[in-house]
């Protein structure tokens, strides 16, 4: 998954501005889909494994240094509509 988006109302002074979003609106061909933030997204260890070599990387270790909360490494937000 790779996020591709344009955000008109972001927080440029924050390192992870998506942590502060309470809703997002996706517009396509005149139709709007409004999604509300419902919680943080904890990362599993599988996102840190190279599919070619099967070796672990250092991504989660780096995130854990500043994104760990209650034993989970949060990186992202769940949204529901």
PDB file of N, CA and C in Angstrom:
ATOM      1  N   UNK A   1       0.830  -1.185   0.000  1.00  0.00           N
ATOM      2  CA  UNK A   1       0.000   0.000   0.000  1.00  0.00           C
ATOM      3  C   UNK A   1       0.866   1.236   0.000  1.00  0.00           C
ATOM      4  N   UNK A   2       0.521   2.185  -0.847  1.00  0.00           N
ATOM      5  CA  UNK A   2       1.213   3.474  -0.853  1.00  0.00           C
ATOM      6  C   UNK A   2       0.151   4.558  -0.914  1.00  0.00           C
ATOM      7  N   UNK A   3       0.258   5.493  -0.016  1.00  0.00           N
ATOM      8  CA  UNK A   3      -0.716   6.572   0.037  1.00  0.00           C
ATOM      9  C   UNK A   3      -0.402   7.598  -1.031  1.00  0.00           C
ATOM     10  N   UNK A   4      -1.397   7.910  -1.853  1.00  0.00           N
ATOM     11  CA  UNK A   4      -1.286   8.983  -2.839  1.00  0.00           C
ATOM     12  C   UNK A   4      -2.463   9.905  -2.615  1.00  0.00           C
ATOM     13  N   UNK A   5      -2.198  11.079  -2.088  1.00  0.00           N
ATOM     14  CA  UNK A   5      -3.295  11.983  -1.799  1.00  0.00           C
ATOM     15  C   UNK A   5      -2.834  13.430  -1.866  1.00  0.00           C
ATOM     16  N   UNK A   6      -3.824  14.295  -1.996  1.00  0.00           N
ATOM     17  CA  UNK A   6      -3.593  15.734  -1.934  1.00  0.00           C
ATOM     18  C   UNK A   6      -4.403  16.239  -0.757  1.00  0.00           C
ATOM     19  N   UNK A   7      -3.761  16.940   0.134  1.00  0.00           N
ATOM     20  CA  UNK A   7      -4.434  17.419   1.330  1.00  0.00           C
ATOM     21  C   UNK A   7      -4.341  18.928   1.373  1.00  0.00           C
ATOM     22  N   UNK A   8      -5.491  19.579   1.358  1.00  0.00           N
ATOM     23  CA  UNK A   8      -5.508  21.032   1.367  1.00  0.00           C
ATOM     24  C   UNK A   8      -5.366  21.626   2.764  1.00  0.00           C
ATOM     25  N   UNK A   9      -5.745  20.880   3.789  1.00  0.00           N
ATOM     26  CA  UNK A   9      -5.718  21.380   5.163  1.00  0.00           C
ATOM     27  C   UNK A   9      -4.864  20.463   6.023  1.00  0.00           C
ATOM     28  N   UNK A  10      -3.575  20.572   5.870  1.00  0.00           N
ATOM     29  CA  UNK A  10      -2.680  19.699   6.626  1.00  0.00           C
ATOM     30  C   UNK A  10      -1.973  20.505   7.709  1.00  0.00           C
ATOM     31  N   UNK A  11      -1.141  19.841   8.492  1.00  0.00           N
ATOM     32  CA  UNK A  11      -0.413  20.469   9.578  1.00  0.00           C
ATOM     33  C   UNK A  11       1.074  20.433   9.231  1.00  0.00           C
ATOM     34  N   UNK A  12       1.581  21.448   8.526  1.00  0.00           N
ATOM     35  CA  UNK A  12       2.974  21.397   8.055  1.00  0.00           C
ATOM     36  C   UNK A  12       4.010  21.397   9.171  1.00  0.00           C
ATOM     37  N   UNK A  13       3.633  21.803  10.370  1.00  0.00           N
ATOM     38  CA  UNK A  13       4.584  21.850  11.481  1.00  0.00           C
ATOM     39  C   UNK A  13       4.644  20.536  12.256  1.00  0.00           C
ATOM     40  N   UNK A  14       3.881  19.539  11.852  1.00  0.00           N
ATOM     41  CA  UNK A  14       3.845  18.245  12.538  1.00  0.00           C
ATOM     42  C   UNK A  14       4.541  17.188  11.689  1.00  0.00           C
ATOM     43  N   UNK A  15       5.254  16.280  12.352  1.00  0.00           N
ATOM     44  CA  UNK A  15       5.996  15.251  11.629  1.00  0.00           C
ATOM     45  C   UNK A  15       5.074  14.223  10.970  1.00  0.00           C
ATOM     46  N   UNK A  16       3.954  13.883  11.595  1.00  0.00           N
ATOM     47  CA  UNK A  16       2.973  12.956  11.030  1.00  0.00           C
ATOM     48  C   UNK A  16       1.600  13.627  11.094  1.00  0.00           C
ATOM     49  N   UNK A  17       1.294  14.529  10.174  1.00  0.00           N
ATOM     50  CA  UNK A  17       0.047  15.300  10.259  1.00  0.00           C
ATOM     51  C   UNK A  17      -1.211  14.434  10.230  1.00  0.00           C
ATOM     52  N   UNK A  18      -1.142  13.259   9.607  1.00  0.00           N
ATOM     53  CA  UNK A  18      -2.324  12.403   9.538  1.00  0.00           C
ATOM     54  C   UNK A  18      -2.772  11.929  10.915  1.00  0.00           C
ATOM     55  N   UNK A  19      -1.904  12.001  11.904  1.00  0.00           N
ATOM     56  CA  UNK A  19      -2.285  11.636  13.270  1.00  0.00           C
ATOM     57  C   UNK A  19      -3.343  12.584  13.842  1.00  0.00           C
ATOM     58  N   UNK A  20      -3.481  13.755  13.259  1.00  0.00           N
ATOM     59  CA  UNK A  20      -4.366  14.778  13.802  1.00  0.00           C
ATOM     60  C   UNK A  20      -5.628  14.981  12.970  1.00  0.00           C
ATOM     61  N   UNK A  21      -5.762  14.234  11.885  1.00  0.00           N
ATOM     62  CA  UNK A  21      -6.956  14.342  11.058  1.00  0.00           C
ATOM     63  C   UNK A  21      -8.129  13.674  11.771  1.00  0.00           C
ATOM     64  N   UNK A  22      -9.293  14.306  11.731  1.00  0.00           N
ATOM     65  CA  UNK A  22     -10.488  13.703  12.320  1.00  0.00           C
ATOM     66  C   UNK A  22     -11.424  13.184  11.230  1.00  0.00           C
ATOM     67  N   UNK A  23     -11.282  13.702  10.017  1.00  0.00           N
ATOM     68  CA  UNK A  23     -12.055  13.187   8.892  1.00  0.00           C
ATOM     69  C   UNK A  23     -11.321  13.505   7.596  1.00  0.00           C
ATOM     70  N   UNK A  24     -11.624  12.714   6.576  1.00  0.00           N
ATOM     71  CA  UNK A  24     -11.111  12.991   5.234  1.00  0.00           C
ATOM     72  C   UNK A  24     -12.280  12.867   4.267  1.00  0.00           C
ATOM     73  N   UNK A  25     -12.213  13.610   3.180  1.00  0.00           N
ATOM     74  CA  UNK A  25     -13.240  13.552   2.147  1.00  0.00           C
ATOM     75  C   UNK A  25     -12.547  13.204   0.833  1.00  0.00           C
ATOM     76  N   UNK A  26     -13.033  12.148   0.199  1.00  0.00           N
ATOM     77  CA  UNK A  26     -12.500  11.719  -1.085  1.00  0.00           C
ATOM     78  C   UNK A  26     -13.548  12.066  -2.134  1.00  0.00           C
ATOM     79  N   UNK A  27     -13.142  12.858  -3.118  1.00  0.00           N
ATOM     80  CA  UNK A  27     -14.063  13.287  -4.165  1.00  0.00           C
ATOM     81  C   UNK A  27     -13.684  12.650  -5.486  1.00  0.00           C
ATOM     82  N   UNK A  28     -14.700  12.159  -6.191  1.00  0.00           N
ATOM     83  CA  UNK A  28     -14.471  11.546  -7.493  1.00  0.00           C
ATOM     84  C   UNK A  28     -15.706  11.740  -8.363  1.00  0.00           C
ATOM     85  N   UNK A  29     -15.532  12.409  -9.458  1.00  0.00           N
ATOM     86  CA  UNK A  29     -16.603  12.611 -10.430  1.00  0.00           C
ATOM     87  C   UNK A  29     -17.886  13.143  -9.793  1.00  0.00           C
ATOM     88  N   UNK A  30     -17.747  14.145  -8.953  1.00  0.00           N
ATOM     89  CA  UNK A  30     -18.903  14.790  -8.346  1.00  0.00           C
ATOM     90  C   UNK A  30     -19.484  14.089  -7.135  1.00  0.00           C
ATOM     91  N   UNK A  31     -18.904  12.998  -6.717  1.00  0.00           N
ATOM     92  CA  UNK A  31     -19.380  12.269  -5.537  1.00  0.00           C
ATOM     93  C   UNK A  31     -18.340  12.366  -4.432  1.00  0.00           C
ATOM     94  N   UNK A  32     -18.798  12.678  -3.221  1.00  0.00           N
ATOM     95  CA  UNK A  32     -17.903  12.771  -2.070  1.00  0.00           C
ATOM     96  C   UNK A  32     -18.120  11.593  -1.131  1.00  0.00           C
ATOM     97  N   UNK A  33     -17.025  11.054  -0.650  1.00  0.00           N
ATOM     98  CA  UNK A  33     -17.051  10.002   0.363  1.00  0.00           C
ATOM     99  C   UNK A  33     -16.358  10.568   1.590  1.00  0.00           C
ATOM    100  N   UNK A  34     -17.096  10.702   2.685  1.00  0.00           N
ATOM    101  CA  UNK A  34     -16.531  11.238   3.923  1.00  0.00           C
ATOM    102  C   UNK A  34     -16.206  10.101   4.876  1.00  0.00           C
ATOM    103  N   UNK A  35     -14.970  10.091   5.348  1.00  0.00           N
ATOM    104  CA  UNK A  35     -14.508   9.069   6.282  1.00  0.00           C
ATOM    105  C   UNK A  35     -14.061   9.727   7.583  1.00  0.00           C
ATOM    106  N   UNK A  36     -14.405   9.125   8.702  1.00  0.00           N
ATOM    107  CA  UNK A  36     -14.032   9.642  10.024  1.00  0.00           C
ATOM    108  C   UNK A  36     -12.952   8.768  10.645  1.00  0.00           C
ATOM    109  N   UNK A  37     -12.020   9.409  11.336  1.00  0.00           N
ATOM    110  CA  UNK A  37     -10.962   8.674  12.034  1.00  0.00           C
ATOM    111  C   UNK A  37     -11.580   7.906  13.196  1.00  0.00           C
ATOM    112  N   UNK A  38     -11.225   6.606  13.293  1.00  0.00           N
ATOM    113  CA  UNK A  38     -11.772   5.802  14.385  1.00  0.00           C
ATOM    114  C   UNK A  38     -10.692   5.225  15.291  1.00  0.00           C
ATOM    115  N   UNK A  39      -9.436   5.402  14.937  1.00  0.00           N
ATOM    116  CA  UNK A  39      -8.369   4.907  15.806  1.00  0.00           C
ATOM    117  C   UNK A  39      -7.032   4.830  15.105  1.00  0.00           C
ATOM    118  N   UNK A  40      -6.025   4.525  15.896  1.00  0.00           N
ATOM    119  CA  UNK A  40      -4.671   4.398  15.366  1.00  0.00           C
ATOM    120  C   UNK A  40      -4.464   3.013  14.775  1.00  0.00           C
ATOM    121  N   UNK A  41      -3.508   2.905  13.882  1.00  0.00           N
ATOM    122  CA  UNK A  41      -3.208   1.649  13.201  1.00  0.00           C
ATOM    123  C   UNK A  41      -1.868   1.118  13.698  1.00  0.00           C
ATOM    124  N   UNK A  42      -1.902  -0.038  14.358  1.00  0.00           N
ATOM    125  CA  UNK A  42      -0.663  -0.665  14.831  1.00  0.00           C
ATOM    126  C   UNK A  42      -0.068  -1.494  13.695  1.00  0.00           C
ATOM    127  N   UNK A  43       1.215  -1.400  13.517  1.00  0.00           N
ATOM    128  CA  UNK A  43       1.910  -2.112  12.444  1.00  0.00           C
ATOM    129  C   UNK A  43       2.299  -3.503  12.901  1.00  0.00           C
ATOM    130  N   UNK A  44       2.152  -4.468  12.035  1.00  0.00           N
ATOM    131  CA  UNK A  44       2.621  -5.814  12.347  1.00  0.00           C
ATOM    132  C   UNK A  44       4.044  -5.962  11.814  1.00  0.00           C
ATOM    133  N   UNK A  45       4.743  -6.987  12.268  1.00  0.00           N
ATOM    134  CA  UNK A  45       6.136  -7.153  11.890  1.00  0.00           C
ATOM    135  C   UNK A  45       6.317  -7.543  10.432  1.00  0.00           C
ATOM    136  N   UNK A  46       5.273  -8.010   9.755  1.00  0.00           N
ATOM    137  CA  UNK A  46       5.402  -8.437   8.365  1.00  0.00           C
ATOM    138  C   UNK A  46       5.767  -7.285   7.425  1.00  0.00           C
ATOM    139  N   UNK A  47       5.429  -6.045   7.778  1.00  0.00           N
ATOM    140  CA  UNK A  47       5.752  -4.923   6.898  1.00  0.00           C
ATOM    141  C   UNK A  47       7.250  -4.645   6.871  1.00  0.00           C
ATOM    142  N   UNK A  48       7.990  -5.270   7.757  1.00  0.00           N
ATOM    143  CA  UNK A  48       9.429  -5.027   7.862  1.00  0.00           C
ATOM    144  C   UNK A  48      10.268  -6.192   7.316  1.00  0.00           C
ATOM    145  N   UNK A  49       9.642  -7.079   6.552  1.00  0.00           N
ATOM    146  CA  UNK A  49      10.368  -8.222   6.003  1.00  0.00           C
ATOM    147  C   UNK A  49      10.499  -8.064   4.496  1.00  0.00           C
ATOM    148  N   UNK A  50      11.700  -8.167   4.003  1.00  0.00           N
ATOM    149  CA  UNK A  50      11.974  -8.074   2.568  1.00  0.00           C
ATOM    150  C   UNK A  50      11.416  -9.338   1.904  1.00  0.00           C
ATOM    151  N   UNK A  51      10.443  -9.199   0.984  1.00  0.00           N
ATOM    152  CA  UNK A  51       9.832 -10.391   0.384  1.00  0.00           C
ATOM    153  C   UNK A  51      10.793 -11.196  -0.485  1.00  0.00           C
ATOM    154  N   UNK A  52      11.830 -10.572  -0.978  1.00  0.00           N
ATOM    155  CA  UNK A  52      12.793 -11.275  -1.821  1.00  0.00           C
ATOM    156  C   UNK A  52      13.758 -12.124  -1.001  1.00  0.00           C
ATOM    157  N   UNK A  53      14.299 -11.511   0.047  1.00  0.00           N
ATOM    158  CA  UNK A  53      15.313 -12.216   0.842  1.00  0.00           C
ATOM    159  C   UNK A  53      14.754 -12.878   2.097  1.00  0.00           C
ATOM    160  N   UNK A  54      13.599 -12.419   2.575  1.00  0.00           N
ATOM    161  CA  UNK A  54      13.042 -12.934   3.817  1.00  0.00           C
ATOM    162  C   UNK A  54      13.721 -12.365   5.057  1.00  0.00           C
ATOM    163  N   UNK A  55      14.618 -11.403   4.861  1.00  0.00           N
ATOM    164  CA  UNK A  55      15.353 -10.808   5.978  1.00  0.00           C
ATOM    165  C   UNK A  55      14.569  -9.657   6.589  1.00  0.00           C
ATOM    166  N   UNK A  56      14.712  -9.514   7.914  1.00  0.00           N
ATOM    167  CA  UNK A  56      14.096  -8.395   8.622  1.00  0.00           C
ATOM    168  C   UNK A  56      14.872  -7.123   8.348  1.00  0.00           C
ATOM    169  N   UNK A  57      14.133  -6.021   8.275  1.00  0.00           N
ATOM    170  CA  UNK A  57      14.748  -4.714   8.111  1.00  0.00           C
ATOM    171  C   UNK A  57      14.789  -3.969   9.433  1.00  0.00           C
ATOM    172  N   UNK A  58      14.949  -2.664   9.367  1.00  0.00           N
ATOM    173  CA  UNK A  58      15.039  -1.835  10.570  1.00  0.00           C
ATOM    174  C   UNK A  58      13.913  -0.814  10.678  1.00  0.00           C
ATOM    175  N   UNK A  59      12.935  -0.902   9.790  1.00  0.00           N
ATOM    176  CA  UNK A  59      11.866   0.092   9.775  1.00  0.00           C
ATOM    177  C   UNK A  59      11.092   0.121  11.086  1.00  0.00           C
ATOM    178  N   UNK A  60      10.626  -1.025  11.544  1.00  0.00           N
ATOM    179  CA  UNK A  60       9.849  -1.043  12.788  1.00  0.00           C
ATOM    180  C   UNK A  60      10.681  -0.642  13.992  1.00  0.00           C
ATOM    181  N   UNK A  61      11.938  -1.014  14.002  1.00  0.00           N
ATOM    182  CA  UNK A  61      12.817  -0.625  15.110  1.00  0.00           C
ATOM    183  C   UNK A  61      12.921   0.905  15.169  1.00  0.00           C
ATOM    184  N   UNK A  62      13.059   1.524  14.001  1.00  0.00           N
ATOM    185  CA  UNK A  62      13.144   2.989  13.955  1.00  0.00           C
ATOM    186  C   UNK A  62      11.829   3.621  14.413  1.00  0.00           C
ATOM    187  N   UNK A  63      10.701   3.088  13.931  1.00  0.00           N
ATOM    188  CA  UNK A  63       9.398   3.621  14.339  1.00  0.00           C
ATOM    189  C   UNK A  63       9.157   3.437  15.834  1.00  0.00           C
ATOM    190  N   UNK A  64       9.597   2.325  16.374  1.00  0.00           N
ATOM    191  CA  UNK A  64       9.375   2.032  17.788  1.00  0.00           C
ATOM    192  C   UNK A  64      10.047   3.049  18.706  1.00  0.00           C
ATOM    193  N   UNK A  65      11.090   3.680  18.221  1.00  0.00           N
ATOM    194  CA  UNK A  65      11.800   4.657  19.051  1.00  0.00           C
ATOM    195  C   UNK A  65      10.927   5.842  19.416  1.00  0.00           C
ATOM    196  N   UNK A  66       9.944   6.164  18.568  1.00  0.00           N
ATOM    197  CA  UNK A  66       9.112   7.329  18.888  1.00  0.00           C
ATOM    198  C   UNK A  66       7.616   7.113  18.638  1.00  0.00           C
ATOM    199  N   UNK A  67       7.195   5.922  18.180  1.00  0.00           N
ATOM    200  CA  UNK A  67       5.787   5.685  17.894  1.00  0.00           C
ATOM    201  C   UNK A  67       5.182   4.565  18.752  1.00  0.00           C
ATOM    202  N   UNK A  68       5.910   4.067  19.737  1.00  0.00           N
ATOM    203  CA  UNK A  68       5.390   2.978  20.572  1.00  0.00           C
ATOM    204  C   UNK A  68       4.426   3.538  21.604  1.00  0.00           C
ATOM    205  N   UNK A  69       3.287   2.857  21.724  1.00  0.00           N
ATOM    206  CA  UNK A  69       2.264   3.266  22.685  1.00  0.00           C
ATOM    207  C   UNK A  69       1.542   2.015  23.175  1.00  0.00           C
ATOM    208  N   UNK A  70       1.599   1.750  24.470  1.00  0.00           N
ATOM    209  CA  UNK A  70       0.967   0.569  25.080  1.00  0.00           C
ATOM    210  C   UNK A  70       1.438  -0.729  24.418  1.00  0.00           C
ATOM    211  N   UNK A  71       2.723  -0.804  24.114  1.00  0.00           N
ATOM    212  CA  UNK A  71       3.295  -2.015  23.554  1.00  0.00           C
ATOM    213  C   UNK A  71       3.105  -2.207  22.060  1.00  0.00           C
ATOM    214  N   UNK A  72       2.444  -1.267  21.397  1.00  0.00           N
ATOM    215  CA  UNK A  72       2.204  -1.370  19.959  1.00  0.00           C
ATOM    216  C   UNK A  72       2.916  -0.218  19.245  1.00  0.00           C
ATOM    217  N   UNK A  73       3.326  -0.486  18.025  1.00  0.00           N
ATOM    218  CA  UNK A  73       3.965   0.546  17.208  1.00  0.00           C
ATOM    219  C   UNK A  73       2.894   1.095  16.260  1.00  0.00           C
ATOM    220  N   UNK A  74       2.414   2.296  16.565  1.00  0.00           N
ATOM    221  CA  UNK A  74       1.350   2.914  15.777  1.00  0.00           C
ATOM    222  C   UNK A  74       1.931   3.736  14.650  1.00  0.00           C
ATOM    223  N   UNK A  75       1.386   3.518  13.464  1.00  0.00           N
ATOM    224  CA  UNK A  75       1.834   4.290  12.307  1.00  0.00           C
ATOM    225  C   UNK A  75       0.708   4.281  11.285  1.00  0.00           C
ATOM    226  N   UNK A  76      -0.143   5.259  11.371  1.00  0.00           N
ATOM    227  CA  UNK A  76      -1.292   5.345  10.477  1.00  0.00           C
ATOM    228  C   UNK A  76      -2.565   5.504  11.280  1.00  0.00           C
ATOM    229  N   UNK A  77      -3.662   5.720  10.572  1.00  0.00           N
ATOM    230  CA  UNK A  77      -4.967   5.925  11.200  1.00  0.00           C
ATOM    231  C   UNK A  77      -6.011   5.127  10.461  1.00  0.00           C
ATOM    232  N   UNK A  78      -6.925   4.487  11.200  1.00  0.00           N
ATOM    233  CA  UNK A  78      -8.066   3.810  10.599  1.00  0.00           C
ATOM    234  C   UNK A  78      -9.159   4.841  10.354  1.00  0.00           C
ATOM    235  N   UNK A  79      -9.765   4.786   9.171  1.00  0.00           N
ATOM    236  CA  UNK A  79     -10.889   5.646   8.842  1.00  0.00           C
ATOM    237  C   UNK A  79     -12.068   4.770   8.417  1.00  0.00           C
ATOM    238  N   UNK A  80     -13.278   5.208   8.753  1.00  0.00           N
ATOM    239  CA  UNK A  80     -14.492   4.480   8.363  1.00  0.00           C
ATOM    240  C   UNK A  80     -15.520   5.477   7.875  1.00  0.00           C
ATOM    241  N   UNK A  81     -16.411   5.019   7.011  1.00  0.00           N
ATOM    242  CA  UNK A  81     -17.400   5.905   6.420  1.00  0.00           C
ATOM    243  C   UNK A  81     -18.791   5.622   6.808  1.00  0.00           C
TER     244      UNK A  81
END
